[in-house]
């Protein structure tokens, strides 16, 4: 059986090319994870450096990242609805007025 496959060289070469392509694609996918992590780490370091220099220039601490876990928000909603009905010659006339007051306070603590 192995002699039969050796005689047909075209089939063996195409199978080797397919295996080689799969190996190259697998290696590129595996390396892309490390390249992405490296780029993210470098951008994080550059961001930290710029923020540190800005804090020195402004003489006060500068917040580095947004953390939703440190956010506190309160919202108060007040709705006032008035409805009046009047009898007119053609039937009833209804007037409705709505006033809505929304007060929202949000504060964020500095990251630790």
Protein backbone atom coordinates (compact mmCIF):
# COMPACT_ATOMS: atom_id res chain seq x y z
CA UNK A 1 0.00 0.00 0.00
CA UNK A 2 2.78 2.44 0.81
CA UNK A 3 4.34 1.74 -2.60
CA UNK A 4 1.09 2.70 -4.25
CA UNK A 5 1.05 6.10 -2.50
CA UNK A 6 4.72 6.68 -3.32
CA UNK A 7 4.05 6.22 -7.00
CA UNK A 8 1.42 8.95 -7.08
CA UNK A 9 3.62 11.91 -6.15
CA UNK A 10 1.01 14.59 -6.78
CA UNK A 11 -1.27 13.29 -4.04
CA UNK A 12 1.55 13.24 -1.50
CA UNK A 13 2.73 16.73 -2.35
CA UNK A 14 -0.74 18.27 -2.10
CA UNK A 15 -1.30 16.59 1.28
CA UNK A 16 2.03 17.96 2.51
CA UNK A 17 1.05 21.45 1.36
CA UNK A 18 -2.29 21.23 3.18
CA UNK A 19 -0.56 20.13 6.38
CA UNK A 20 2.01 22.92 6.00
CA UNK A 21 -0.74 25.51 5.50
CA UNK A 22 -2.56 24.30 8.63
CA UNK A 23 0.66 24.50 10.65
CA UNK A 24 1.42 28.03 9.43
CA UNK A 25 -2.13 29.25 10.13
CA UNK A 26 -2.06 27.65 13.59
CA UNK A 27 1.27 29.30 14.40
CA UNK A 28 -0.01 32.70 13.24
CA UNK A 29 -3.16 32.40 15.36
CA UNK A 30 -1.11 31.35 18.38
CA UNK A 31 1.32 34.23 17.94
CA UNK A 32 -1.45 36.80 17.42
CA UNK A 33 -2.57 36.31 21.04
CA UNK A 34 0.89 37.18 22.34
CA UNK A 35 1.26 40.12 19.95
CA UNK A 36 -2.12 41.51 21.05
CA UNK A 37 -1.21 41.16 24.73
CA UNK A 38 2.12 42.87 24.12
CA UNK A 39 0.49 45.80 22.36
CA UNK A 40 -2.12 46.17 25.10
CA UNK A 41 0.56 46.13 27.80
CA UNK A 42 2.60 48.78 26.00
CA UNK A 43 -0.43 51.02 25.51
CA UNK A 44 -1.28 50.61 29.22
CA UNK A 45 2.28 51.59 30.17
CA UNK A 46 2.20 54.63 27.88
CA UNK A 47 -1.15 55.67 29.35
CA UNK A 48 0.20 55.35 32.89
CA UNK A 49 3.27 57.41 31.96
CA UNK A 50 1.20 60.20 30.40
CA UNK A 51 -1.16 60.30 33.39
CA UNK A 52 1.77 60.41 35.82
CA UNK A 53 3.33 63.33 33.92
CA UNK A 54 -0.03 65.13 33.83
CA UNK A 55 -0.42 64.65 37.59
CA UNK A 56 3.02 66.17 38.14
CA UNK A 57 2.22 69.11 35.87
CA UNK A 58 -1.17 69.78 37.49
CA UNK A 59 0.06 69.24 41.08
CA UNK A 60 -2.92 67.04 41.88
CA UNK A 61 -3.83 63.36 41.43
CA UNK A 62 -5.31 62.39 38.10
CA UNK A 63 -7.68 59.48 37.71
CA UNK A 64 -6.24 56.70 35.57
CA UNK A 65 -9.22 54.56 34.62
CA UNK A 66 -12.98 54.56 34.82
CA UNK A 67 -14.25 52.00 37.30
CA UNK A 68 -18.05 51.62 37.39
CA UNK A 69 -17.79 49.78 40.73
CA UNK A 70 -16.82 53.01 42.47
CA UNK A 71 -19.70 55.02 41.03
CA UNK A 72 -22.60 56.08 43.22
CA UNK A 73 -25.68 57.60 41.64
CA UNK A 74 -29.09 58.65 42.95
CA UNK A 75 -32.06 59.76 40.92
CA UNK A 76 -35.21 61.47 42.19
CA UNK A 77 -38.23 61.75 39.90
CA UNK A 78 -41.26 63.85 40.74
CA UNK A 79 -44.30 63.88 38.45
CA UNK A 80 -47.25 66.26 38.85
CA UNK A 81 -50.28 65.73 36.60
CA UNK A 82 -53.33 67.99 36.53
CA UNK A 83 -56.48 67.17 34.58
CA UNK A 84 -59.53 69.40 34.19
CA UNK A 85 -62.81 68.70 32.41
CA UNK A 86 -65.18 71.34 31.17
CA UNK A 87 -68.65 71.01 29.77
CA UNK A 88 -68.94 72.74 26.41
CA UNK A 89 -71.74 72.89 23.84
CA UNK A 90 -70.33 69.96 21.83
CA UNK A 91 -69.54 67.71 24.80
CA UNK A 92 -66.66 67.63 27.25
CA UNK A 93 -63.27 69.27 26.93
CA UNK A 94 -60.41 67.68 28.83
CA UNK A 95 -57.17 69.57 29.54
CA UNK A 96 -54.18 67.68 30.93
CA UNK A 97 -50.87 69.17 31.98
CA UNK A 98 -47.91 67.19 33.23
CA UNK A 99 -44.82 68.52 34.92
CA UNK A 100 -41.89 66.21 35.52
CA UNK A 101 -38.86 67.06 37.66
CA UNK A 102 -35.86 64.75 37.46
CA UNK A 103 -32.86 65.29 39.72
CA UNK A 104 -29.86 63.01 39.21
CA UNK A 105 -26.65 63.05 41.23
CA UNK A 106 -23.65 60.94 40.34
CA UNK A 107 -20.27 60.78 42.01
CA UNK A 108 -17.23 58.59 41.49
CA UNK A 109 -14.63 57.73 44.07
CA UNK A 110 -10.99 57.62 43.06
CA UNK A 111 -9.62 54.15 42.25
CA UNK A 112 -7.53 52.54 44.92
